[in-house]
Protein backbone atom coordinates (compact mmCIF):
# COMPACT_ATOMS: atom_id res chain seq x y z
CA MET A 1 109.36 147.48 71.19
CA GLU A 2 107.06 150.07 72.71
CA LYS A 3 110.04 152.18 73.82
CA GLU A 4 111.39 152.16 70.25
CA LEU A 5 108.14 153.61 68.91
CA GLU A 6 108.22 156.46 71.41
CA THR A 7 111.69 157.64 70.47
CA GLN A 8 112.25 159.74 67.40
CA VAL A 9 115.32 161.20 65.75
CA CYS A 10 113.63 164.59 66.16
CA GLU A 11 114.30 164.47 69.88
CA GLU A 12 117.39 166.55 70.45
CA ARG A 13 119.13 164.10 72.80
CA ILE A 14 118.64 161.20 70.34
CA PHE A 15 119.85 163.23 67.37
CA GLU A 16 122.88 164.40 69.35
CA SER A 17 123.61 160.83 70.38
CA ILE A 18 123.43 159.65 66.74
CA TYR A 19 125.69 162.53 65.70
CA ARG A 20 128.33 161.72 68.33
CA LYS A 21 128.16 158.04 67.55
CA LEU A 22 128.18 158.17 63.70
CA SER A 23 129.74 161.44 62.50
CA LYS A 24 133.37 160.28 62.71
CA SER A 25 132.70 156.90 61.10
CA LEU A 26 130.65 158.55 58.33
CA HIS A 27 133.43 161.08 57.71
CA ASP A 28 136.07 158.33 57.66
CA PHE A 29 133.96 156.20 55.28
CA LEU A 30 133.68 159.09 52.83
CA TYR A 31 137.35 160.00 53.20
CA TYR A 32 138.55 156.44 52.54
CA LYS A 33 136.15 155.90 49.66
CA TYR A 34 136.52 159.24 47.84
CA GLY A 35 139.51 161.06 49.33
CA SER A 36 139.79 164.56 50.67
CA ALA A 37 139.09 166.22 47.28
CA CYS A 38 135.37 165.48 47.66
CA ASN A 39 135.28 167.30 51.01
CA PRO A 40 133.95 164.59 53.35
CA ASN A 41 133.41 167.16 56.14
CA ASP A 42 130.78 169.02 54.14
CA ALA A 43 129.10 165.84 52.95
CA THR A 44 128.91 164.55 56.51
CA GLN A 45 127.36 167.78 57.76
CA GLU A 46 124.94 167.88 54.84
CA ALA A 47 123.87 164.28 55.52
CA PHE A 48 123.10 165.14 59.14
CA ILE A 49 121.12 168.20 58.04
CA LYS A 50 119.06 165.97 55.76
CA LEU A 51 118.55 163.55 58.65
CA TRP A 52 117.30 166.41 60.81
CA ASN A 53 114.97 167.63 58.05
CA ASN A 54 113.57 164.10 57.65
CA CYS A 55 113.69 163.17 61.34
CA GLU A 56 109.99 162.27 61.50
CA ASN A 57 110.38 159.74 58.68
CA VAL A 58 113.57 158.06 59.93
CA SER A 59 113.62 155.86 62.99
CA PRO A 60 116.75 155.82 65.17
CA ASN A 61 117.60 152.25 64.16
CA LYS A 62 117.52 153.27 60.44
CA ALA A 63 119.50 156.50 60.94
CA LYS A 64 122.90 154.94 60.18
CA SER A 65 121.72 153.48 56.88
CA PHE A 66 120.02 156.75 55.98
CA LEU A 67 123.12 158.83 56.75
CA PHE A 68 125.54 156.63 54.81
CA THR A 69 123.24 156.43 51.79
CA VAL A 70 122.57 160.17 51.73
CA ALA A 71 126.24 161.08 52.21
CA ASN A 72 127.32 158.66 49.47
CA ASN A 73 124.70 160.15 47.11
CA ILE A 74 125.87 163.68 47.94
CA ILE A 75 129.45 162.79 46.96
CA LEU A 76 128.30 161.00 43.80
CA ASN A 77 126.26 164.06 42.79
CA GLN A 78 129.31 166.27 43.38
CA LEU A 79 131.42 163.98 41.18
CA LYS A 80 128.80 164.04 38.42
CA HIS A 81 128.72 167.83 38.62
CA GLU A 82 132.52 168.01 38.39
CA LYS A 83 132.41 165.75 35.33
CA VAL A 84 129.89 168.06 33.67
CA LYS A 85 132.09 171.06 34.47
CA LEU A 86 135.15 169.34 33.00
CA ASN A 87 133.28 168.42 29.83
CA TYR A 88 132.09 171.99 29.50
CA GLU A 89 135.63 173.31 29.93
CA LYS A 90 136.84 170.95 27.20
CA THR A 91 134.46 172.41 24.65
CA GLN A 92 136.04 175.47 23.19
CA VAL A 93 133.75 178.41 22.84
CA LYS A 94 134.20 180.06 19.48
CA THR A 95 135.24 183.62 20.18
CA HIS A 96 136.13 184.56 16.64
CA THR A 97 134.80 184.13 13.16
CA ASN A 98 136.42 183.83 9.75
CA VAL A 99 133.76 186.09 8.27
CA SER A 100 134.91 189.63 7.64
CA PRO A 101 132.93 192.61 8.91
CA GLU A 102 132.54 193.70 5.31
CA PHE A 103 130.81 190.41 4.44
CA ILE A 104 128.48 190.73 7.42
CA MET A 105 127.53 194.23 6.32
CA GLN A 106 126.97 193.11 2.71
CA GLU A 107 124.85 190.23 3.91
CA ALA A 108 122.68 192.56 5.99
CA GLU A 109 122.29 194.96 3.06
CA PHE A 110 121.37 192.10 0.70
CA LEU A 111 118.77 190.79 3.16
CA GLU A 112 117.26 194.26 3.46
CA LYS A 113 117.05 194.60 -0.34
CA TYR A 114 115.57 191.10 -0.61
CA GLN A 115 112.86 191.93 1.90
CA THR A 116 112.11 195.21 0.12
CA VAL A 117 111.75 193.48 -3.26
CA LEU A 118 109.49 190.83 -1.68
CA ALA A 119 107.36 193.50 -0.03
CA ASN A 120 106.92 195.38 -3.32
CA MET A 121 106.11 192.24 -5.32
CA LYS A 122 102.51 191.38 -6.22
CA GLU A 123 100.93 189.46 -3.40
CA GLU A 124 100.05 186.44 -5.54
CA TYR A 125 103.70 186.02 -6.63
CA ARG A 126 105.08 186.59 -3.13
CA VAL A 127 102.68 184.12 -1.50
CA ALA A 128 103.37 181.34 -4.00
CA PHE A 129 107.13 181.95 -3.85
CA LEU A 130 107.33 181.98 -0.03
CA LEU A 131 105.11 178.92 0.33
CA SER A 132 107.37 177.08 -2.06
CA LYS A 133 110.81 178.26 -0.94
CA ALA A 134 110.39 179.28 2.69
CA GLU A 135 107.86 176.70 3.83
CA HIS A 136 108.94 173.98 1.38
CA LYS A 137 105.42 173.22 0.22
CA LYS A 138 104.93 171.22 -2.96
CA GLN A 139 103.27 172.91 -5.89
CA LYS A 140 100.24 170.65 -5.57
CA GLU A 141 99.84 171.66 -1.91
CA ILE A 142 100.10 175.34 -2.79
CA ALA A 143 97.55 174.91 -5.57
CA ASP A 144 95.13 173.27 -3.13
CA MET A 145 95.73 175.97 -0.49
CA LEU A 146 95.19 178.85 -2.92
CA ASN A 147 92.46 177.09 -4.88
CA ILE A 148 94.31 177.48 -8.20
CA THR A 149 95.89 175.05 -10.70
CA VAL A 150 99.43 173.72 -10.45
CA LYS A 151 100.33 175.53 -13.71
CA VAL A 152 99.31 178.87 -12.17
CA VAL A 153 101.46 178.08 -9.11
CA GLU A 154 104.42 177.29 -11.37
CA TYR A 155 103.93 180.58 -13.24
CA ARG A 156 103.68 182.65 -10.03
CA ILE A 157 106.81 181.09 -8.54
CA HIS A 158 108.67 181.61 -11.81
CA ARG A 159 107.56 185.26 -12.02
CA ALA A 160 108.61 185.91 -8.42
CA PHE A 161 111.98 184.34 -9.15
CA MET A 162 112.42 186.48 -12.26
CA ILE A 163 111.53 189.67 -10.34
CA LEU A 164 114.06 188.84 -7.64
CA LYS A 165 116.71 188.00 -10.22
CA GLU A 166 116.13 191.30 -12.05
CA GLN A 167 116.19 193.49 -8.96
CA LEU A 168 118.89 191.74 -6.89
CA ASP A 169 122.43 191.32 -8.15
CA GLY A 170 123.70 187.77 -7.59
CA PHE A 171 120.33 186.30 -6.58
CA THR A 172 120.07 182.53 -7.05
CA LEU A 173 118.13 179.78 -5.38
CA LYS A 174 119.64 176.70 -3.78
CA LYS A 175 117.86 173.51 -4.67
């Protein structure tokens, strides 16, 4: 018992002994369980690297269990990663659009005109309109925020709408 406490996997001769004793069986275990596609050589080497990095926490009598668990987890993580890659490859990235360049240009011009009309509008109309349509506030909420009546809010929103309709061709609101 006392001898077991003195030995550590960090001692080079013990680590080398564990490597010689377990590397082939670990490789064979991974090869038989997962096949050569999962690269059992790399997983075996990686498991031994992790053993070396954790040598102070792993006793020699627990090294086999540690190595097999770590190597198995390495392969499972590789398989999960491959599954994610396959799922990503299945999703087709949209490289084209059905929208014509002319439409995109018209849309940009319309947005610019819209913003210009909003900027030139009286502040009281613009604020009420944007609170209602952009922030989806109810008229009662707007009235409370601006300390005015609901009827005044209705009027301001209506006036803003009328200004936009007059100055922008094809302007409508979606409900």
